[in-house]
N, C-alpha and C. Protein backbone atom coordinates (compact mmCIF):
# COMPACT_ATOMS: atom_id res chain seq x y z
N MET A 1 27.24 26.15 -12.90
CA MET A 1 25.88 26.62 -13.05
C MET A 1 25.39 27.09 -11.68
N ALA A 2 24.80 28.25 -11.65
CA ALA A 2 24.27 28.81 -10.41
C ALA A 2 22.95 28.14 -10.07
N GLU A 3 22.76 27.88 -8.78
CA GLU A 3 21.51 27.29 -8.31
C GLU A 3 20.61 28.37 -7.77
N LYS A 4 19.34 28.15 -7.93
CA LYS A 4 18.35 29.07 -7.40
C LYS A 4 17.33 28.24 -6.63
N LYS A 5 16.99 28.66 -5.43
CA LYS A 5 15.96 27.97 -4.67
C LYS A 5 14.60 28.49 -5.10
N VAL A 6 13.70 27.56 -5.33
CA VAL A 6 12.33 27.91 -5.69
C VAL A 6 11.43 27.40 -4.58
N ARG A 7 10.65 28.27 -4.00
CA ARG A 7 9.75 27.90 -2.91
C ARG A 7 8.40 27.48 -3.49
N LEU A 8 7.96 26.29 -3.11
CA LEU A 8 6.69 25.76 -3.57
C LEU A 8 5.77 25.58 -2.37
N PRO A 9 4.68 26.32 -2.31
CA PRO A 9 3.74 26.12 -1.20
C PRO A 9 3.07 24.75 -1.35
N VAL A 10 2.83 24.10 -0.23
CA VAL A 10 2.19 22.78 -0.22
C VAL A 10 0.79 22.93 0.33
N ARG A 11 -0.17 22.39 -0.40
CA ARG A 11 -1.57 22.43 0.03
C ARG A 11 -2.06 21.00 0.11
N MET A 12 -2.57 20.61 1.26
CA MET A 12 -3.10 19.26 1.44
C MET A 12 -4.51 19.21 0.87
N SER A 13 -4.73 18.29 -0.04
CA SER A 13 -6.06 18.10 -0.60
C SER A 13 -6.95 17.43 0.44
N GLU A 14 -8.24 17.62 0.31
CA GLU A 14 -9.18 16.95 1.20
C GLU A 14 -9.33 15.49 0.79
N ASN A 15 -9.64 14.65 1.76
CA ASN A 15 -9.94 13.23 1.51
C ASN A 15 -8.80 12.49 0.83
N ILE A 16 -7.58 12.71 1.29
CA ILE A 16 -6.45 11.97 0.73
C ILE A 16 -6.55 10.52 1.18
N PRO A 17 -6.55 9.57 0.25
CA PRO A 17 -6.62 8.18 0.68
C PRO A 17 -5.30 7.76 1.35
N SER A 18 -5.41 6.90 2.33
CA SER A 18 -4.25 6.37 3.02
C SER A 18 -4.27 4.86 2.85
N TYR A 19 -3.16 4.27 2.42
CA TYR A 19 -3.10 2.84 2.16
C TYR A 19 -2.02 2.19 3.01
N TYR A 20 -2.30 1.00 3.51
CA TYR A 20 -1.30 0.19 4.19
C TYR A 20 -0.85 -0.85 3.17
N ALA A 21 0.34 -0.69 2.65
CA ALA A 21 0.82 -1.54 1.57
C ALA A 21 1.71 -2.66 2.12
N HIS A 22 1.49 -3.87 1.60
CA HIS A 22 2.32 -5.02 1.95
C HIS A 22 3.36 -5.30 0.87
N GLY A 23 3.20 -4.69 -0.27
CA GLY A 23 4.11 -4.97 -1.36
C GLY A 23 4.09 -3.89 -2.41
N LEU A 24 5.03 -4.01 -3.33
CA LEU A 24 5.19 -3.05 -4.42
C LEU A 24 5.64 -3.84 -5.63
N TRP A 25 5.04 -3.57 -6.77
CA TRP A 25 5.40 -4.28 -7.99
C TRP A 25 5.30 -3.30 -9.15
N GLY A 26 6.10 -3.49 -10.15
CA GLY A 26 6.02 -2.62 -11.30
C GLY A 26 7.18 -2.79 -12.24
N GLY A 27 7.47 -1.73 -12.97
CA GLY A 27 8.54 -1.79 -13.95
C GLY A 27 8.68 -0.46 -14.67
N ILE A 28 9.26 -0.52 -15.83
CA ILE A 28 9.52 0.67 -16.63
C ILE A 28 8.47 0.77 -17.74
N GLY A 29 7.83 1.94 -17.86
CA GLY A 29 6.81 2.16 -18.88
C GLY A 29 7.43 2.41 -20.25
N PRO A 30 6.61 2.54 -21.28
CA PRO A 30 7.09 2.67 -22.65
C PRO A 30 7.92 3.92 -22.91
N THR A 31 7.75 4.96 -22.10
CA THR A 31 8.56 6.18 -22.31
C THR A 31 9.58 6.38 -21.20
N GLY A 32 9.90 5.29 -20.44
CA GLY A 32 10.96 5.34 -19.44
C GLY A 32 10.50 5.68 -18.04
N GLU A 33 9.23 5.98 -17.84
CA GLU A 33 8.74 6.30 -16.50
C GLU A 33 8.72 5.03 -15.65
N VAL A 34 8.82 5.20 -14.33
CA VAL A 34 8.73 4.07 -13.41
C VAL A 34 7.26 3.92 -13.02
N ILE A 35 6.74 2.71 -13.17
CA ILE A 35 5.36 2.42 -12.80
C ILE A 35 5.40 1.48 -11.61
N ALA A 36 4.72 1.86 -10.53
CA ALA A 36 4.69 1.05 -9.32
C ALA A 36 3.25 0.83 -8.89
N TYR A 37 2.93 -0.39 -8.54
CA TYR A 37 1.61 -0.74 -8.02
C TYR A 37 1.75 -1.04 -6.53
N LEU A 38 0.97 -0.36 -5.69
CA LEU A 38 0.94 -0.65 -4.26
C LEU A 38 0.02 -1.84 -4.04
N LEU A 39 0.49 -2.84 -3.30
CA LEU A 39 -0.25 -4.08 -3.11
C LEU A 39 -0.61 -4.28 -1.65
N GLN A 40 -1.75 -4.91 -1.41
CA GLN A 40 -2.17 -5.23 -0.05
C GLN A 40 -2.68 -6.66 -0.01
N ASP A 41 -2.24 -7.41 1.01
CA ASP A 41 -2.65 -8.79 1.19
C ASP A 41 -3.73 -8.86 2.25
N SER A 42 -4.70 -9.76 2.05
CA SER A 42 -5.76 -9.93 3.04
C SER A 42 -6.31 -11.35 2.93
N PRO A 43 -6.93 -11.84 4.02
CA PRO A 43 -7.56 -13.15 3.93
C PRO A 43 -8.64 -13.11 2.86
N GLY A 44 -8.89 -14.26 2.26
CA GLY A 44 -9.91 -14.32 1.22
C GLY A 44 -11.29 -13.95 1.73
N ILE A 45 -12.11 -13.48 0.84
CA ILE A 45 -13.50 -13.14 1.15
C ILE A 45 -14.33 -14.42 1.02
N PRO A 46 -15.30 -14.64 1.91
CA PRO A 46 -16.09 -15.87 1.82
C PRO A 46 -16.75 -16.03 0.45
N GLU A 47 -16.72 -17.27 -0.05
CA GLU A 47 -17.43 -17.56 -1.30
C GLU A 47 -18.93 -17.55 -1.06
N SER A 48 -19.31 -17.96 0.15
CA SER A 48 -20.71 -17.90 0.55
C SER A 48 -20.77 -18.03 2.07
N PHE A 49 -21.90 -17.71 2.64
CA PHE A 49 -22.09 -17.91 4.08
C PHE A 49 -23.55 -18.22 4.37
N SER A 50 -23.74 -18.88 5.49
CA SER A 50 -25.09 -19.25 5.92
C SER A 50 -25.32 -18.74 7.32
N LEU A 51 -26.53 -18.30 7.57
CA LEU A 51 -26.91 -17.86 8.92
C LEU A 51 -27.63 -19.00 9.62
N ARG A 52 -27.25 -19.28 10.86
CA ARG A 52 -27.99 -20.23 11.68
C ARG A 52 -29.00 -19.43 12.49
N VAL A 53 -30.29 -19.67 12.24
CA VAL A 53 -31.36 -18.87 12.84
C VAL A 53 -32.22 -19.76 13.75
N ASP A 54 -32.47 -19.25 14.94
CA ASP A 54 -33.39 -19.93 15.86
C ASP A 54 -34.79 -19.82 15.27
N GLU A 55 -35.42 -20.98 15.01
CA GLU A 55 -36.74 -20.98 14.35
C GLU A 55 -37.82 -20.35 15.21
N GLU A 56 -37.67 -20.44 16.53
CA GLU A 56 -38.70 -19.88 17.41
C GLU A 56 -38.58 -18.37 17.54
N THR A 57 -37.35 -17.89 17.73
CA THR A 57 -37.17 -16.45 17.99
C THR A 57 -36.81 -15.66 16.74
N GLY A 58 -36.29 -16.35 15.73
CA GLY A 58 -35.84 -15.64 14.54
C GLY A 58 -34.48 -14.97 14.70
N LEU A 59 -33.83 -15.19 15.87
CA LEU A 59 -32.53 -14.56 16.12
C LEU A 59 -31.40 -15.37 15.48
N VAL A 60 -30.43 -14.65 14.96
CA VAL A 60 -29.27 -15.30 14.37
C VAL A 60 -28.42 -15.89 15.49
N GLN A 61 -28.12 -17.19 15.37
CA GLN A 61 -27.33 -17.89 16.38
C GLN A 61 -25.86 -18.02 15.96
N GLY A 62 -25.58 -17.84 14.69
CA GLY A 62 -24.20 -17.96 14.22
C GLY A 62 -24.13 -17.83 12.71
N ILE A 63 -22.91 -17.77 12.24
CA ILE A 63 -22.65 -17.65 10.80
C ILE A 63 -21.64 -18.72 10.41
N ASP A 64 -21.92 -19.43 9.34
CA ASP A 64 -20.98 -20.41 8.78
C ASP A 64 -20.50 -19.87 7.44
N ALA A 65 -19.20 -19.62 7.35
CA ALA A 65 -18.64 -19.06 6.11
C ALA A 65 -17.82 -20.12 5.39
N GLU A 66 -18.00 -20.18 4.08
CA GLU A 66 -17.18 -21.06 3.24
C GLU A 66 -16.10 -20.19 2.61
N MET A 67 -14.90 -20.30 3.20
CA MET A 67 -13.80 -19.44 2.78
C MET A 67 -13.02 -20.05 1.62
N ALA A 68 -12.61 -19.21 0.71
CA ALA A 68 -11.69 -19.63 -0.33
C ALA A 68 -10.32 -19.81 0.33
N PRO A 69 -9.56 -20.81 -0.10
CA PRO A 69 -8.24 -21.01 0.53
C PRO A 69 -7.28 -19.88 0.18
N GLY A 70 -6.33 -19.63 1.10
CA GLY A 70 -5.25 -18.69 0.82
C GLY A 70 -5.59 -17.24 1.09
N MET A 71 -4.76 -16.39 0.53
CA MET A 71 -4.85 -14.95 0.71
C MET A 71 -5.17 -14.30 -0.63
N ASP A 72 -5.71 -13.09 -0.56
CA ASP A 72 -5.94 -12.28 -1.75
C ASP A 72 -4.92 -11.17 -1.77
N ARG A 73 -4.43 -10.82 -2.94
CA ARG A 73 -3.54 -9.68 -3.11
C ARG A 73 -4.25 -8.70 -4.03
N SER A 74 -4.44 -7.48 -3.53
CA SER A 74 -5.16 -6.44 -4.27
C SER A 74 -4.22 -5.31 -4.64
N VAL A 75 -4.44 -4.73 -5.82
CA VAL A 75 -3.72 -3.53 -6.22
C VAL A 75 -4.50 -2.34 -5.66
N LEU A 76 -3.83 -1.55 -4.82
CA LEU A 76 -4.48 -0.40 -4.18
C LEU A 76 -4.37 0.86 -5.02
N ALA A 77 -3.22 1.03 -5.65
CA ALA A 77 -2.98 2.26 -6.40
C ALA A 77 -1.85 2.04 -7.40
N LYS A 78 -1.88 2.82 -8.45
CA LYS A 78 -0.82 2.84 -9.45
C LYS A 78 -0.13 4.19 -9.35
N ILE A 79 1.20 4.15 -9.26
CA ILE A 79 1.99 5.38 -9.17
C ILE A 79 2.88 5.43 -10.40
N VAL A 80 2.87 6.55 -11.10
CA VAL A 80 3.73 6.73 -12.27
C VAL A 80 4.71 7.85 -11.94
N ILE A 81 6.01 7.53 -11.99
CA ILE A 81 7.06 8.49 -11.63
C ILE A 81 7.87 8.81 -12.88
N PRO A 82 7.94 10.09 -13.29
CA PRO A 82 8.74 10.45 -14.46
C PRO A 82 10.20 10.01 -14.28
N ALA A 83 10.80 9.52 -15.36
CA ALA A 83 12.16 8.99 -15.30
C ALA A 83 13.17 9.94 -14.62
N PRO A 84 13.17 11.25 -14.90
CA PRO A 84 14.16 12.12 -14.27
C PRO A 84 14.02 12.21 -12.75
N LEU A 85 12.84 11.86 -12.21
CA LEU A 85 12.62 11.97 -10.76
C LEU A 85 12.79 10.64 -10.03
N ALA A 86 12.92 9.54 -10.75
CA ALA A 86 12.95 8.22 -10.12
C ALA A 86 14.08 8.10 -9.10
N ARG A 87 15.27 8.57 -9.41
CA ARG A 87 16.40 8.46 -8.48
C ARG A 87 16.14 9.27 -7.21
N SER A 88 15.57 10.48 -7.32
CA SER A 88 15.31 11.27 -6.12
C SER A 88 14.24 10.61 -5.26
N PHE A 89 13.24 9.95 -5.88
CA PHE A 89 12.24 9.20 -5.12
C PHE A 89 12.91 8.05 -4.37
N ALA A 90 13.80 7.32 -5.05
CA ALA A 90 14.50 6.20 -4.42
C ALA A 90 15.35 6.68 -3.24
N ASP A 91 16.04 7.78 -3.42
CA ASP A 91 16.86 8.34 -2.33
C ASP A 91 15.99 8.74 -1.15
N TRP A 92 14.84 9.37 -1.43
CA TRP A 92 13.93 9.79 -0.36
C TRP A 92 13.42 8.58 0.42
N PHE A 93 12.99 7.52 -0.31
CA PHE A 93 12.51 6.31 0.36
C PHE A 93 13.62 5.67 1.19
N SER A 94 14.82 5.65 0.65
CA SER A 94 15.96 5.06 1.37
C SER A 94 16.23 5.81 2.68
N MET A 95 16.18 7.12 2.63
CA MET A 95 16.39 7.92 3.85
C MET A 95 15.28 7.67 4.87
N ARG A 96 14.02 7.61 4.40
CA ARG A 96 12.91 7.36 5.32
C ARG A 96 13.01 5.96 5.94
N ALA A 97 13.43 4.96 5.16
CA ALA A 97 13.60 3.61 5.70
C ALA A 97 14.69 3.60 6.78
N ARG A 98 15.79 4.29 6.53
CA ARG A 98 16.87 4.38 7.53
C ARG A 98 16.36 5.07 8.79
N ASP A 99 15.64 6.18 8.64
CA ASP A 99 15.09 6.89 9.80
C ASP A 99 14.13 6.01 10.59
N SER A 100 13.31 5.23 9.90
CA SER A 100 12.35 4.34 10.56
C SER A 100 13.08 3.25 11.35
N GLU A 101 14.11 2.68 10.74
CA GLU A 101 14.90 1.65 11.43
C GLU A 101 15.55 2.22 12.69
N GLN A 102 16.11 3.40 12.60
CA GLN A 102 16.74 4.03 13.76
C GLN A 102 15.72 4.34 14.84
N ALA A 103 14.53 4.80 14.45
CA ALA A 103 13.48 5.11 15.43
C ALA A 103 13.02 3.86 16.17
N GLN A 104 13.13 2.70 15.51
CA GLN A 104 12.73 1.45 16.13
C GLN A 104 13.89 0.78 16.87
N GLY A 105 15.04 1.44 16.88
CA GLY A 105 16.20 0.90 17.58
C GLY A 105 16.92 -0.21 16.85
N ARG A 106 16.66 -0.34 15.55
CA ARG A 106 17.33 -1.36 14.75
C ARG A 106 18.47 -0.72 13.97
N PRO A 107 19.55 -1.43 13.78
CA PRO A 107 20.63 -0.87 12.95
C PRO A 107 20.16 -0.77 11.51
N PRO A 108 20.55 0.28 10.79
CA PRO A 108 20.15 0.41 9.39
C PRO A 108 20.64 -0.78 8.57
N ALA A 109 19.87 -1.16 7.57
CA ALA A 109 20.25 -2.26 6.69
C ALA A 109 21.61 -1.99 6.07
N GLY A 110 22.42 -3.04 5.98
CA GLY A 110 23.74 -2.91 5.35
C GLY A 110 24.82 -2.43 6.30
N SER A 111 24.48 -2.22 7.59
CA SER A 111 25.54 -1.76 8.51
C SER A 111 26.03 -2.89 9.38
């Protein structure tokens, strides 16, 4: 079969969100697509807090926060990848991970 190159212009949309992901979770959807959720971990948000105020000046002297124990894990985004493209996405991520390891002076995983 003869191959033909197709040129696709790329246009960057405005206000593209950028996420710092600590994890990835997902599985296979009902029609075979790969579903991935980008996850981010963060310290818990205070359940409540109190302000310590100087009665004479009215100035805040400090804050006492009652923190929930542990960390929170939030889903940042859901990515749905059509089944025929899943392998090419995996290959692309694998190459980028290898390039990142080399840029940091670390040997690639598995070597």
